[in-house]
């Protein structure tokens, strides 16, 4: 008889069962030592007496795993990734492989293959980010807003800005809109769409961009409020300004995710230009939220109904300046 390969646990079982056979240890004591029931020890004893120690080896030893991948699947998958999804992350690449190419591979298996082939960095190789603050408990309690300048359409069109509104409690995208650049009128347009779709949130959370905050203490107009801030005040919506980008990390991370996923989704669907992009965005927002939005800690929806008439809203969402008429 040749060598028999056994694990430490299997060798330990052989030693204990040999002691039971030699009547040095009782069945109940063996069950306690092996952390098994007495009935299981009786079964092992019967097998041990009939077929010897070799029969205690695991029956799957030497066989291929039931979960092993088919021969050639790795080569096919990685060839497709290099050809079509070389700049995709493992999660998005796995989704598109299943959706567009009919190749179903788990994202963790694909992640391992991409790391081995140098197409992805493991978490330990990437930088460590700030720990996010606790989420607000209710939907509509706080909405983070930001604009992200990027080549959203890659080489198919000029760079532009994507304005994003993200609910803090759920992480859901509330509103997205492509605009030429961040401006008061661009945020007025975003706010009008937000009010139509969701109503009034309790507060918006932004950076200290000049759209949201008066930078000069000696400003002569506006009563220390920007045009956007004045509009929110009239709508009874609070505006909070973060002191750092990490403070509004929810929307910052969402922008980073969109720069990765949104760009590639539009590339695959052939979307080009801001107008086509804005027409395409609602469907993407729905799919994105179905996959990534989470349930808030409390079920309350703190959005309030918009009671202003369309004419009154148009009067609020506009550029307004005070002028004094002097006598000549």
Protein backbone atom coordinates (compact mmCIF):
# COMPACT_ATOMS: atom_id res chain seq x y z
CA UNK A 1 0.00 0.00 0.00
CA UNK A 2 1.36 3.44 -0.96
CA UNK A 3 1.20 6.73 0.83
CA UNK A 4 -2.21 8.05 1.89
CA UNK A 5 -2.65 11.83 2.05
CA UNK A 6 -4.80 12.96 4.99
CA UNK A 7 -5.51 16.27 6.69
CA UNK A 8 -4.69 16.95 10.35
CA UNK A 9 -8.36 16.65 11.26
CA UNK A 10 -8.62 13.26 9.56
CA UNK A 11 -5.49 12.00 11.32
CA UNK A 12 -6.91 13.23 14.63
CA UNK A 13 -10.12 11.29 13.96
CA UNK A 14 -8.14 8.12 13.26
CA UNK A 15 -6.27 8.48 16.57
CA UNK A 16 -9.45 9.03 18.61
CA UNK A 17 -11.36 6.22 16.90
CA UNK A 18 -8.42 3.86 17.42
CA UNK A 19 -8.64 4.65 21.14
CA UNK A 20 -12.37 3.83 21.10
CA UNK A 21 -11.72 0.52 19.33
CA UNK A 22 -9.02 -0.29 21.94
CA UNK A 23 -11.59 0.58 24.68
CA UNK A 24 -9.37 3.29 26.16
CA UNK A 25 -12.00 5.96 25.39
CA UNK A 26 -15.80 5.76 25.45
CA UNK A 27 -18.01 6.79 22.56
CA UNK A 28 -19.37 9.78 24.45
CA UNK A 29 -15.85 10.97 25.31
CA UNK A 30 -14.81 10.60 21.65
CA UNK A 31 -17.85 12.64 20.58
CA UNK A 32 -16.83 15.42 22.99
CA UNK A 33 -13.21 15.42 21.75
CA UNK A 34 -14.21 15.42 18.06
CA UNK A 35 -17.07 17.92 18.57
CA UNK A 36 -19.50 15.47 16.96
CA UNK A 37 -22.71 13.79 18.07
CA UNK A 38 -22.54 10.23 19.42
CA UNK A 39 -24.54 9.00 16.43
CA UNK A 40 -22.00 10.50 14.03
CA UNK A 41 -19.16 8.86 16.01
CA UNK A 42 -20.99 5.51 15.73
CA UNK A 43 -21.20 5.94 11.93
CA UNK A 44 -17.49 6.79 11.72
CA UNK A 45 -16.64 3.77 13.92
CA UNK A 46 -18.58 1.44 11.62
CA UNK A 47 -16.74 2.81 8.56
CA UNK A 48 -13.39 2.64 10.39
CA UNK A 49 -13.91 -1.01 11.42
CA UNK A 50 -15.09 -2.12 7.97
CA UNK A 51 -12.75 -0.23 5.61
CA UNK A 52 -9.91 1.06 7.77
CA UNK A 53 -8.41 4.54 8.21
CA UNK A 54 -8.39 5.25 4.46
CA UNK A 55 -12.18 5.37 4.46
CA UNK A 56 -12.13 8.44 6.74
CA UNK A 57 -10.59 10.61 4.04
CA UNK A 58 -12.85 13.22 2.47
CA UNK A 59 -14.54 11.69 -0.59
CA UNK A 60 -13.98 14.81 -2.68
CA UNK A 61 -10.20 14.70 -2.27
CA UNK A 62 -8.50 14.71 -5.67
CA UNK A 63 -11.68 15.58 -7.56
CA UNK A 64 -12.29 18.91 -9.31
CA UNK A 65 -14.51 21.37 -7.41
CA UNK A 66 -18.20 21.54 -8.27
CA UNK A 67 -17.74 25.31 -8.60
CA UNK A 68 -14.67 25.22 -10.82
CA UNK A 69 -14.81 27.15 -14.08
CA UNK A 70 -14.94 25.38 -17.42
CA UNK A 71 -11.72 24.90 -19.35
CA UNK A 72 -11.16 27.91 -21.60
CA UNK A 73 -13.72 30.13 -19.83
CA UNK A 74 -11.00 32.25 -18.24
CA UNK A 75 -9.24 32.79 -21.57
CA UNK A 76 -12.52 33.70 -23.32
CA UNK A 77 -13.59 36.04 -20.53
CA UNK A 78 -10.28 37.87 -20.31
CA UNK A 79 -10.09 38.19 -24.10
CA UNK A 80 -13.51 39.91 -24.05
CA UNK A 81 -12.47 42.13 -21.12
CA UNK A 82 -9.28 43.24 -22.91
CA UNK A 83 -11.16 43.89 -26.15
CA UNK A 84 -14.26 45.68 -24.83
CA UNK A 85 -14.03 46.34 -21.09
CA UNK A 86 -10.36 47.00 -20.37
CA UNK A 87 -11.10 50.19 -18.41
CA UNK A 88 -14.16 48.74 -16.61
CA UNK A 89 -14.15 47.71 -12.95
CA UNK A 90 -14.87 44.04 -12.12
CA UNK A 91 -18.47 44.64 -11.03
CA UNK A 92 -19.49 46.61 -14.12
CA UNK A 93 -17.52 44.30 -16.42
CA UNK A 94 -19.25 41.22 -14.96
CA UNK A 95 -22.65 42.88 -15.50
CA UNK A 96 -21.90 43.75 -19.13
CA UNK A 97 -20.36 40.34 -19.90
CA UNK A 98 -23.60 38.68 -18.77
CA UNK A 99 -25.88 41.28 -20.38
CA UNK A 100 -24.18 41.76 -23.76
CA UNK A 101 -21.99 38.69 -24.30
CA UNK A 102 -23.86 35.94 -22.42
CA UNK A 103 -20.78 35.09 -20.35
CA UNK A 104 -21.74 34.63 -16.69
CA UNK A 105 -18.83 34.96 -14.28
CA UNK A 106 -19.10 36.11 -10.68
CA UNK A 107 -17.67 39.55 -10.01
CA UNK A 108 -15.22 38.17 -7.41
CA UNK A 109 -13.88 35.56 -9.83
CA UNK A 110 -13.51 38.25 -12.49
CA UNK A 111 -11.87 40.56 -9.93
CA UNK A 112 -9.28 37.86 -9.15
CA UNK A 113 -8.57 37.26 -12.85
CA UNK A 114 -8.23 40.98 -13.58
CA UNK A 115 -5.85 41.46 -10.64
CA UNK A 116 -3.75 38.51 -11.84
CA UNK A 117 -3.59 40.00 -15.35
CA UNK A 118 -2.79 43.51 -14.12
CA UNK A 119 -6.10 45.07 -15.22
CA UNK A 120 -7.28 45.95 -11.70
CA UNK A 121 -5.73 46.97 -8.39
CA UNK A 122 -6.79 45.16 -5.24
CA UNK A 123 -8.21 47.19 -2.36
CA UNK A 124 -4.94 46.96 -0.43
CA UNK A 125 -3.12 48.55 -3.40
CA UNK A 126 -5.46 51.53 -3.55
CA UNK A 127 -5.50 54.59 -1.34
CA UNK A 128 -7.50 54.61 1.89
CA UNK A 129 -10.43 57.05 1.92
CA UNK A 130 -11.94 58.96 4.82
CA UNK A 131 -14.53 57.11 6.82
CA UNK A 132 -17.97 58.43 5.77
CA UNK A 133 -20.14 60.15 8.36
CA UNK A 134 -23.43 58.60 9.43
CA UNK A 135 -26.30 58.95 7.00
CA UNK A 136 -29.39 61.01 7.79
CA UNK A 137 -32.26 58.80 8.88
CA UNK A 138 -35.09 59.95 6.59
CA UNK A 139 -35.55 60.25 2.86
CA UNK A 140 -35.61 63.92 1.86
CA UNK A 141 -33.97 65.13 5.07
CA UNK A 142 -30.73 66.14 3.34
CA UNK A 143 -29.82 66.18 -0.38
CA UNK A 144 -26.21 66.62 -1.44
CA UNK A 145 -25.64 68.54 -4.69
CA UNK A 146 -22.51 69.01 -6.76
CA UNK A 147 -21.29 69.61 -10.29
CA UNK A 148 -18.65 67.40 -11.90
CA UNK A 149 -16.55 68.60 -14.85
CA UNK A 150 -15.49 65.67 -17.00
CA UNK A 151 -15.23 64.35 -20.55
CA UNK A 152 -18.56 62.61 -20.12
CA UNK A 153 -18.82 61.79 -23.82
CA UNK A 154 -15.09 61.03 -24.15
CA UNK A 155 -13.88 62.04 -27.63
CA UNK A 156 -17.39 62.07 -29.10
CA UNK A 157 -18.19 65.58 -27.80
CA UNK A 158 -16.72 68.47 -25.82
CA UNK A 159 -16.27 68.29 -22.02
CA UNK A 160 -19.22 69.46 -19.94
CA UNK A 161 -20.57 69.43 -16.38
CA UNK A 162 -22.95 66.93 -14.81
CA UNK A 163 -25.01 68.35 -11.93
CA UNK A 164 -25.95 65.60 -9.49
CA UNK A 165 -28.35 65.56 -6.52
CA UNK A 166 -28.02 62.58 -4.13
CA UNK A 167 -30.28 61.80 -1.18
CA UNK A 168 -28.15 61.35 1.93
CA UNK A 169 -30.34 58.71 3.63
CA UNK A 170 -30.71 56.34 0.68
CA UNK A 171 -27.81 57.22 -1.62
CA UNK A 172 -30.33 57.41 -4.47
CA UNK A 173 -29.72 59.78 -7.37
CA UNK A 174 -32.55 62.30 -7.26
CA UNK A 175 -31.65 64.46 -10.24
CA UNK A 176 -28.94 64.61 -12.91
CA UNK A 177 -28.51 67.11 -15.71
CA UNK A 178 -25.77 67.84 -18.27
CA UNK A 179 -24.94 71.56 -18.54
CA UNK A 180 -22.09 73.51 -20.18
CA UNK A 181 -20.73 74.60 -16.78
CA UNK A 182 -21.72 75.20 -13.16
CA UNK A 183 -23.80 78.37 -12.93
CA UNK A 184 -26.76 79.80 -11.08
CA UNK A 185 -29.09 79.14 -14.02
CA UNK A 186 -27.85 75.55 -14.32
CA UNK A 187 -28.73 74.95 -10.66
CA UNK A 188 -32.08 76.71 -11.14
CA UNK A 189 -32.81 74.21 -13.92
CA UNK A 190 -31.79 71.29 -11.69
CA UNK A 191 -33.91 72.63 -8.82
CA UNK A 192 -36.97 73.04 -11.04
CA UNK A 193 -36.67 69.41 -12.16
CA UNK A 194 -36.16 68.27 -8.57
CA UNK A 195 -39.27 70.09 -7.34
CA UNK A 196 -41.38 68.61 -10.16
CA UNK A 197 -40.22 65.06 -9.44
CA UNK A 198 -39.85 64.92 -5.67
CA UNK A 199 -41.11 68.08 -3.94
CA UNK A 200 -39.19 70.18 -1.42
CA UNK A 201 -36.45 68.53 0.68
CA UNK A 202 -35.60 69.83 4.14
CA UNK A 203 -32.10 70.96 3.14
CA UNK A 204 -29.50 70.94 0.37
CA UNK A 205 -25.82 70.29 1.18
CA UNK A 206 -23.21 71.81 -1.13
CA UNK A 207 -19.64 73.04 -1.30
CA UNK A 208 -18.68 76.71 -1.01
CA UNK A 209 -19.02 77.46 -4.71
CA UNK A 210 -20.02 81.07 -5.42
CA UNK A 211 -23.42 79.80 -6.58
CA UNK A 212 -24.24 78.86 -2.98
CA UNK A 213 -22.23 81.21 -0.77
CA UNK A 214 -21.33 84.90 -0.83
CA UNK A 215 -17.55 84.99 -0.59
CA UNK A 216 -17.18 88.71 0.13
CA UNK A 217 -18.30 90.08 3.47
CA UNK A 218 -18.66 93.56 1.97
CA UNK A 219 -20.97 92.55 -0.88
CA UNK A 220 -23.28 95.47 -1.66
CA UNK A 221 -26.30 93.49 -2.88
CA UNK A 222 -28.11 90.27 -2.15
CA UNK A 223 -28.41 90.69 1.64
CA UNK A 224 -25.56 88.17 2.11
CA UNK A 225 -27.35 85.55 -0.02
CA UNK A 226 -26.63 84.36 -3.54
CA UNK A 227 -29.38 84.15 -6.15
CA UNK A 228 -29.68 80.39 -5.55
CA UNK A 229 -29.65 80.90 -1.78
CA UNK A 230 -32.37 83.56 -2.07
CA UNK A 231 -34.54 81.19 -4.14
CA UNK A 232 -34.15 78.40 -1.54
CA UNK A 233 -35.00 80.84 1.23
CA UNK A 234 -38.25 81.79 -0.53
CA UNK A 235 -39.04 78.09 -0.97
CA UNK A 236 -38.30 77.42 2.73
CA UNK A 237 -35.41 75.04 1.92
CA UNK A 238 -32.23 75.26 3.98
CA UNK A 239 -28.79 75.42 2.32
CA UNK A 240 -25.75 74.03 4.16
CA UNK A 241 -22.17 74.54 2.90
CA UNK A 242 -19.50 71.94 3.62
CA UNK A 243 -16.06 72.98 4.79
CA UNK A 244 -14.33 70.19 2.82
CA UNK A 245 -15.01 67.78 -0.02
CA UNK A 246 -14.85 64.86 2.45
CA UNK A 247 -17.79 66.34 4.38
CA UNK A 248 -20.05 65.84 1.35
CA UNK A 249 -18.41 62.55 0.48
CA UNK A 250 -21.68 60.91 -0.53
CA UNK A 251 -22.03 63.00 -3.69
CA UNK A 252 -18.26 63.08 -4.27
CA UNK A 253 -18.13 59.27 -4.32
CA UNK A 254 -21.23 59.19 -6.50
CA UNK A 255 -19.47 61.46 -9.02
CA UNK A 256 -16.47 59.16 -9.03
CA UNK A 257 -18.76 56.16 -9.61
CA UNK A 258 -20.56 57.98 -12.43
CA UNK A 259 -17.27 58.96 -14.09
CA UNK A 260 -16.55 55.24 -14.22
CA UNK A 261 -19.95 53.65 -14.95
CA UNK A 262 -21.96 56.39 -16.68
CA UNK A 263 -19.26 57.15 -19.26
CA UNK A 264 -19.04 53.51 -20.29
CA UNK A 265 -22.81 52.97 -20.33
CA UNK A 266 -23.19 55.93 -22.71
CA UNK A 267 -20.33 54.63 -24.84
CA UNK A 268 -22.03 51.23 -25.16
CA UNK A 269 -25.39 52.84 -26.00
CA UNK A 270 -23.86 55.35 -28.43
CA UNK A 271 -25.09 58.45 -26.55
CA UNK A 272 -23.44 61.67 -27.77
CA UNK A 273 -24.09 65.28 -26.80
CA UNK A 274 -25.76 66.97 -23.84
CA UNK A 275 -29.28 66.93 -25.31
CA UNK A 276 -29.15 63.22 -26.11
CA UNK A 277 -27.52 62.60 -22.73
CA UNK A 278 -30.26 64.44 -20.82
CA UNK A 279 -32.94 62.48 -22.72
CA UNK A 280 -31.13 59.21 -21.85
CA UNK A 281 -30.45 59.95 -18.15
CA UNK A 282 -33.91 59.16 -16.61
CA UNK A 283 -33.68 55.50 -17.63
CA UNK A 284 -30.14 55.26 -16.27
CA UNK A 285 -31.16 56.88 -12.94
CA UNK A 286 -33.94 54.30 -12.54
CA UNK A 287 -31.59 51.35 -13.19
CA UNK A 288 -28.86 52.82 -11.00
CA UNK A 289 -31.17 53.37 -8.02
CA UNK A 290 -32.67 49.90 -8.33
CA UNK A 291 -29.18 48.45 -8.00
CA UNK A 292 -27.47 50.79 -5.53
CA UNK A 293 -30.04 52.71 -3.45
CA UNK A 294 -30.53 51.50 0.11
CA UNK A 295 -33.43 51.54 2.55
CA UNK A 296 -33.34 54.53 4.96
CA UNK A 297 -33.17 53.99 8.72
CA UNK A 298 -36.69 55.42 9.09
CA UNK A 299 -39.53 55.11 6.55
CA UNK A 300 -40.64 58.77 6.73
CA UNK A 301 -40.51 60.85 3.55
CA UNK A 302 -39.68 64.42 4.58
CA UNK A 303 -40.26 65.95 1.15
CA UNK A 304 -42.99 68.60 1.19
CA UNK A 305 -45.46 69.37 -1.55
CA UNK A 306 -44.80 72.35 -3.83
CA UNK A 307 -47.66 74.77 -3.16
CA UNK A 308 -46.36 77.64 -5.32
CA UNK A 309 -48.04 78.21 -8.66
CA UNK A 310 -46.00 77.83 -11.87
CA UNK A 311 -45.90 81.61 -12.28
CA UNK A 312 -44.69 82.07 -8.73
CA UNK A 313 -42.00 79.39 -9.23
CA UNK A 314 -40.83 81.13 -12.39
CA UNK A 315 -40.61 84.38 -10.41
CA UNK A 316 -38.51 82.64 -7.72
CA UNK A 317 -36.18 80.72 -10.04
CA UNK A 318 -34.78 83.74 -11.83
CA UNK A 319 -32.02 86.31 -11.46
CA UNK A 320 -33.28 89.17 -9.34
CA UNK A 321 -31.47 92.40 -8.44
CA UNK A 322 -32.52 95.42 -6.43
CA UNK A 323 -32.13 98.83 -8.03
CA UNK A 324 -32.84 102.27 -6.60
CA UNK A 325 -34.11 105.05 -8.84
CA UNK A 326 -32.63 108.41 -7.99
CA UNK A 327 -34.06 111.82 -8.80
CA UNK A 328 -32.17 113.99 -11.26
